[in-house]
Protein backbone atom coordinates (compact mmCIF):
# COMPACT_ATOMS: atom_id res chain seq x y z
CA UNK A 1 71.17 294.89 291.90
CA UNK A 2 73.24 292.00 293.20
CA UNK A 3 76.99 291.74 293.56
CA UNK A 4 78.92 290.27 290.60
CA UNK A 5 78.34 286.57 290.31
CA UNK A 6 75.64 286.61 293.01
CA UNK A 7 72.48 284.61 292.57
CA UNK A 8 69.55 285.28 294.87
CA UNK A 9 66.66 283.15 295.96
CA UNK A 10 63.58 284.64 297.59
CA UNK A 11 61.75 282.73 300.29
CA UNK A 12 58.17 283.90 300.69
CA UNK A 13 56.01 283.52 303.79
CA UNK A 14 52.27 284.06 303.50
CA UNK A 15 50.10 285.20 306.37
CA UNK A 16 46.53 286.39 306.36
CA UNK A 17 44.06 288.54 308.16
CA UNK A 18 40.38 289.48 307.89
CA UNK A 19 39.06 293.01 307.65
CA UNK A 20 35.48 293.81 306.84
CA UNK A 21 34.88 290.28 305.63
CA UNK A 22 37.75 290.42 303.12
CA UNK A 23 40.56 287.89 303.26
CA UNK A 24 43.88 289.72 303.15
CA UNK A 25 47.18 288.09 302.19
CA UNK A 26 50.48 289.49 303.38
CA UNK A 27 53.70 288.52 301.69
CA UNK A 28 57.03 288.81 303.44
CA UNK A 29 60.28 287.61 302.00
CA UNK A 30 63.99 287.34 302.63
CA UNK A 31 66.80 287.15 300.10
CA UNK A 32 69.51 284.55 300.46
CA UNK A 33 72.79 285.20 298.67
CA UNK A 34 74.60 282.42 296.88
CA UNK A 35 77.77 281.49 298.79
CA UNK A 36 81.07 282.61 297.28
CA UNK A 37 82.62 279.56 295.62
CA UNK A 38 86.26 279.12 296.61
CA UNK A 39 89.03 276.83 295.39
CA UNK A 40 92.30 276.18 297.22
CA UNK A 41 95.70 275.34 295.70
CA UNK A 42 98.16 274.51 298.49
CA UNK A 43 100.84 271.81 298.67
CA UNK A 44 101.19 271.71 302.46
CA UNK A 45 98.62 269.13 303.70
CA UNK A 46 98.21 270.76 307.11
CA UNK A 47 97.68 274.29 305.77
CA UNK A 48 95.38 272.97 303.02
CA UNK A 49 93.36 271.10 305.63
CA UNK A 50 92.97 274.23 307.76
CA UNK A 51 91.79 276.25 304.76
CA UNK A 52 89.34 273.54 303.72
CA UNK A 53 87.93 273.38 307.25
CA UNK A 54 87.57 277.13 307.68
CA UNK A 55 85.98 277.75 304.30
CA UNK A 56 83.82 274.63 304.39
CA UNK A 57 82.35 275.55 307.77
CA UNK A 58 81.49 279.15 306.92
CA UNK A 59 78.00 279.45 305.34
CA UNK A 60 79.10 282.52 303.37
CA UNK A 61 81.42 280.33 301.30
CA UNK A 62 81.38 277.04 299.44
CA UNK A 63 84.57 275.03 299.05
CA UNK A 64 84.40 274.09 295.39
CA UNK A 65 87.73 272.31 294.88
CA UNK A 66 91.08 271.80 296.61
CA UNK A 67 94.37 270.84 294.95
CA UNK A 68 97.84 269.88 296.24
CA UNK A 69 99.73 271.23 293.23
CA UNK A 70 99.51 273.50 290.20
CA UNK A 71 99.35 270.66 287.70
CA UNK A 72 96.11 269.22 289.06
CA UNK A 73 94.59 272.71 289.34
CA UNK A 74 95.53 273.58 285.77
CA UNK A 75 93.93 270.42 284.39
CA UNK A 76 90.73 270.45 286.46
CA UNK A 77 89.89 273.95 287.72
CA UNK A 78 88.84 275.47 284.34
CA UNK A 79 85.95 272.97 284.30
CA UNK A 80 84.52 274.42 287.54
CA UNK A 81 85.24 278.17 287.46
CA UNK A 82 85.06 279.27 291.12
CA UNK A 83 84.60 282.88 292.19
CA UNK A 84 87.87 283.09 294.11
CA UNK A 85 91.04 280.97 294.19
CA UNK A 86 93.46 280.93 297.14
CA UNK A 87 96.83 280.15 295.58
CA UNK A 88 100.01 279.12 297.39
CA UNK A 89 102.85 281.06 295.79
CA UNK A 90 105.56 278.45 296.53
CA UNK A 91 104.17 275.37 294.78
CA UNK A 92 106.57 272.64 293.60
CA UNK A 93 107.32 272.15 289.89
CA UNK A 94 105.00 274.88 288.53
CA UNK A 95 104.88 277.72 291.05
CA UNK A 96 101.81 279.71 292.06
CA UNK A 97 102.65 282.72 289.90
CA UNK A 98 102.84 280.68 286.71
CA UNK A 99 99.72 278.74 287.71
CA UNK A 100 97.79 282.02 288.08
CA UNK A 101 99.12 283.26 284.74
CA UNK A 102 97.83 280.18 282.92
CA UNK A 103 94.51 279.97 284.79
CA UNK A 104 93.78 283.69 284.39
CA UNK A 105 94.09 283.31 280.61
CA UNK A 106 91.45 280.58 280.72
CA UNK A 107 89.25 282.13 283.43
CA UNK A 108 89.61 285.94 283.28
CA UNK A 109 86.63 286.58 285.58
CA UNK A 110 88.04 284.48 288.44
CA UNK A 111 89.82 286.38 291.22
CA UNK A 112 93.11 285.04 292.62
CA UNK A 113 94.57 285.71 296.06
CA UNK A 114 98.17 284.64 296.65
CA UNK A 115 99.11 283.02 299.96
CA UNK A 116 102.70 283.30 301.14
CA UNK A 117 104.84 282.93 304.25
CA UNK A 118 106.87 286.11 303.73
CA UNK A 119 106.11 289.56 302.35
CA UNK A 120 108.33 289.30 299.27
CA UNK A 121 108.03 292.42 297.10
CA UNK A 122 109.49 290.78 294.01
CA UNK A 123 107.05 287.88 294.11
CA UNK A 124 104.20 290.30 294.82
CA UNK A 125 104.87 292.24 291.62
CA UNK A 126 105.17 289.04 289.61
CA UNK A 127 101.87 287.82 291.07
CA UNK A 128 100.05 291.03 290.17
CA UNK A 129 101.48 290.98 286.67
CA UNK A 130 100.31 287.37 286.29
CA UNK A 131 96.76 288.34 287.22
CA UNK A 132 96.43 288.02 291.00
CA UNK A 133 94.28 290.60 292.79
CA UNK A 134 95.32 290.00 296.40
CA UNK A 135 98.36 288.96 298.44
CA UNK A 136 98.03 287.57 301.98
CA UNK A 137 100.30 285.97 304.54
CA UNK A 138 99.44 282.39 305.48
CA UNK A 139 99.30 283.43 309.13
CA UNK A 140 96.38 285.77 308.39
CA UNK A 141 93.66 285.18 311.05
CA UNK A 142 90.53 283.35 309.81
CA UNK A 143 88.26 286.39 310.05
CA UNK A 144 90.70 288.52 308.07
CA UNK A 145 90.92 285.76 305.47
CA UNK A 146 87.13 285.68 305.13
CA UNK A 147 87.05 289.46 304.77
CA UNK A 148 89.74 289.29 302.09
CA UNK A 149 87.80 286.68 300.09
CA UNK A 150 84.68 288.84 300.21
CA UNK A 151 86.69 291.94 299.34
CA UNK A 152 88.34 290.45 296.26
CA UNK A 153 85.00 288.98 295.15
CA UNK A 154 83.48 292.46 295.33
CA UNK A 155 86.26 294.04 293.31
CA UNK A 156 88.82 294.87 295.98
CA UNK A 157 92.53 294.08 296.18
CA UNK A 158 93.34 292.77 299.67
CA UNK A 159 96.93 293.05 300.85
CA UNK A 160 98.80 294.45 303.83
CA UNK A 161 99.46 298.22 303.99
CA UNK A 162 103.18 297.56 303.61
CA UNK A 163 102.61 295.52 300.43
CA UNK A 164 100.30 298.21 299.07
CA UNK A 165 103.00 300.85 299.59
CA UNK A 166 105.55 298.68 297.80
CA UNK A 167 103.21 298.31 294.84
CA UNK A 168 102.76 302.06 294.48
CA UNK A 169 106.48 302.75 294.90
CA UNK A 170 107.37 300.09 292.34
CA UNK A 171 105.09 301.42 289.64
CA UNK A 172 105.98 305.05 290.39
CA UNK A 173 109.56 304.21 289.43
CA UNK A 174 108.41 302.98 286.03
CA UNK A 175 105.77 305.47 284.81
CA UNK A 176 103.74 304.39 281.80
CA UNK A 177 103.35 306.48 278.67
CA UNK A 178 100.20 308.58 278.59
CA UNK A 179 99.30 307.13 275.20
CA UNK A 180 97.89 304.00 276.89
CA UNK A 181 95.37 306.00 278.91
CA UNK A 182 94.48 308.01 275.85
CA UNK A 183 93.25 304.82 274.23
CA UNK A 184 90.42 304.59 276.76
CA UNK A 185 86.93 305.76 275.89
CA UNK A 186 85.29 308.36 278.18
CA UNK A 187 83.18 305.65 279.81
CA UNK A 188 86.19 303.42 280.36
CA UNK A 189 87.93 306.36 282.01
CA UNK A 190 84.89 306.78 284.27
CA UNK A 191 85.13 303.14 285.32
CA UNK A 192 88.89 303.38 285.92
CA UNK A 193 88.41 306.54 287.99
CA UNK A 194 85.85 304.72 290.14
CA UNK A 195 88.26 301.83 290.62
CA UNK A 196 90.99 304.28 291.64
CA UNK A 197 88.69 305.81 294.25
CA UNK A 198 88.32 302.40 295.89
CA UNK A 199 84.71 301.69 294.98
CA UNK A 200 83.69 298.06 294.75
CA UNK A 201 81.95 296.63 291.70
CA UNK A 202 78.44 296.93 293.15
CA UNK A 203 79.06 300.57 294.06
CA UNK A 204 80.43 301.36 290.58
CA UNK A 205 77.37 299.79 288.98
CA UNK A 206 75.14 302.00 291.12
CA UNK A 207 77.25 305.15 290.65
CA UNK A 208 77.41 304.81 286.86
CA UNK A 209 74.00 303.15 286.52
CA UNK A 210 75.28 300.20 284.53
CA UNK A 211 74.72 296.45 284.76
CA UNK A 212 77.15 293.86 286.05
CA UNK A 213 77.79 292.58 282.52
CA UNK A 214 78.45 296.07 281.19
CA UNK A 215 80.89 296.82 284.01
CA UNK A 216 82.81 293.61 283.45
CA UNK A 217 83.00 294.43 279.73
CA UNK A 218 84.44 297.88 280.46
CA UNK A 219 86.97 296.47 282.94
CA UNK A 220 88.11 293.79 280.48
CA UNK A 221 88.59 296.48 277.82
CA UNK A 222 90.54 298.72 280.24
CA UNK A 223 92.84 295.84 281.20
CA UNK A 224 93.48 295.00 277.55
CA UNK A 225 94.25 298.57 276.53
CA UNK A 226 96.51 299.21 279.52
CA UNK A 227 98.20 295.81 279.20
CA UNK A 228 97.46 294.83 282.80
CA UNK A 229 95.92 291.81 284.48
CA UNK A 230 94.64 293.19 287.77
CA UNK A 231 92.82 296.11 289.33
CA UNK A 232 95.92 297.14 291.25
CA UNK A 233 98.04 297.49 288.10
CA UNK A 234 95.30 299.46 286.33
CA UNK A 235 94.82 301.85 289.25
CA UNK A 236 98.55 302.51 289.63
CA UNK A 237 98.82 303.37 285.94
CA UNK A 238 95.87 305.72 286.33
CA UNK A 239 97.40 307.45 289.37
CA UNK A 240 100.73 307.87 287.59
CA UNK A 241 99.16 309.58 284.57
């Protein structure tokens, strides 16, 4: 089974041999994964250029679109639906948090990673509540950025250890009523438990023997019942039960 949103193409090479007068055909193949489609929303021309260059020159990714502000992204991005969006948090006029909130409502399957200069706990929580799944510093090295894009595409929530601790501490101070978790079906609880254990989407599909579509349906239902917009929020509520 392929990762969520992954399309595969099989290239077949034929060779032959002869044994006892019989022509034998041998088929060997390799599977090529579809690149992760990425969009960038960043107002700083230099930083945007660096991101475009790095993503565009890595065969594991495809730069789908790039925007200098939230307004252009809001009007155009829903027509293209990338896999992952790198979102500057400090955009002019409409900021990155509000941009994610509006785009997530239109594209719930798209994963958003916030890019920021400083580790600001308040903005982190607002980003997660809006629907972001990751939170990275703009000075993150290229290889770490690539790993983060792959991680969020596979169901992870990339952020620094310090930011992760702040998330847990924040939600521990505001425990949620158990009634929300009680709304979940047994299978939805199984999915949430797998998310809490850190498994990625492909691993959850294998562990629970369900399809990509079925998993996404369960996750959407869990988010709706728990009133959350990201994996991180859902997991914290589960851990605070």
